Amino acid sequence: MSQANNLNAVRDVPKLSICIATYNRGPFIADTLDSILAQFEPGVELVVVDGASPDNTSEVMAKYVSGHPEIRYYREQENSGVDRDYDKAVGYARGEYCWLMTDDDLLCPGAVSRVLDAIKDSVDLVVVNSEVRNADFTRVLRARILNFTNDRAYTATDGEKFFSEVANYLSFIGGVVIKRCVWLERDRLSYFGTLFIHVGVIFQHPPISKVKVIADPLIIIRYGNAMWTSRGFEIWMFKWPQLIWSFRDFSELSKSVVCAKEPWRQISQLVLYRAIGGYGMNEYSQLLADRTNGWYCGMAMTIAMFPAAMVNGFAALYCVLAKRNAKSTLYDITRSRHATWVSRLLDRLLG
């Protein structure tokens, strides 16, 4: 290849690939795509991997692909799971950086430009802050998840600090913009099936060298719409803490800041999940029965059998009185099939 052709090839490589792994998001993905395409500029591409969605996702995508050559859509023959599909998306991408965007949330105006500015510094990773709204975006539940007012930078020597300050937020994959070569050179296979492959890539050994966190929220999260809501107890009580506590480069103190090692041992967690319909006798039998004994075993079983509607009302009252992440927690409680007039009234009063 001639020198001129080499230069052209370099120019043709996008600076940023926005990578989406999607499944059954026909009713939502158009809003996401519109929020992205409205701020497209040269040097940006959009890669969508569809994990064999049985809904109308492919029809929705066909309309966008026909009018936007910067979109590359890959429909898989079978569903490989969220971890493998994001890994495939990065593999299909051509950009120097990959933004692992979600398939039902929105980019704030100017988000793409902010990220392009951030990656000019040749960082390995950019973490983008988010705000949280309800499912139809009409109500702000959290103005920002990361309580940062200014951008922050971390180096490899700041790994412990970065982990303790940011790892909990990174359960949300949409905040991750990573250098593609960094992703590809790190272990991904070990994290297939965790549901958090990006966290495994970021926090495995050795630490990532240069990280920038953008404090301003650039994403609006559609809260309560996660595909794994029905598995929430298993994921947040077991899968997430097992992953966080598996990283060998960080102290137990830092890990405990991110999450408890065994959060299922906390009675308050069992009560909350009972209130929102995520914990009952099925979860007790499958996940707790063999792990518990003595008084705690009896307590865990009692909570699993206790009338969920009653627990729902008491949990709503506690949220209002304690004012601890009340808006998002109350939103979960009022969306539960066990929600009562008490929890709905308290939600309206707080909102």
Foldseek 3Di string as FASTA:
>chain_A
DDPVVVVVVVQPQAAEEEEEEDAQCVVAQVQAVVLVVVADDPRYAYEYEYAQHPDCPVVVVVVVVVVDVSYDYHYDPHHQADLVRRVVRLVPHRHQKYQHAYRHWHFAPPLVVVVVVVCVVVFFKEFAWAWEDAQVRPGTLGQTDQPDPAKDKDFQVCLQVCLLRPVLVLLPRRRIMGGSVLQVVFDQVVCRPLNRSVSVSQQAPPHGGMYMYGRHHGMYHHPPPDPCPLVVCCNVQPSVLVVLVVHPPYDPVSSVSSHDNGCVLDLVVLLLCLLLVNAAPVCCVPPPCVPDDDPSNVSSHCSRPPQNLVSLLVVLVCCLVVVDSNQSSLVSNCPGPSHDPNSVVSNVVVD
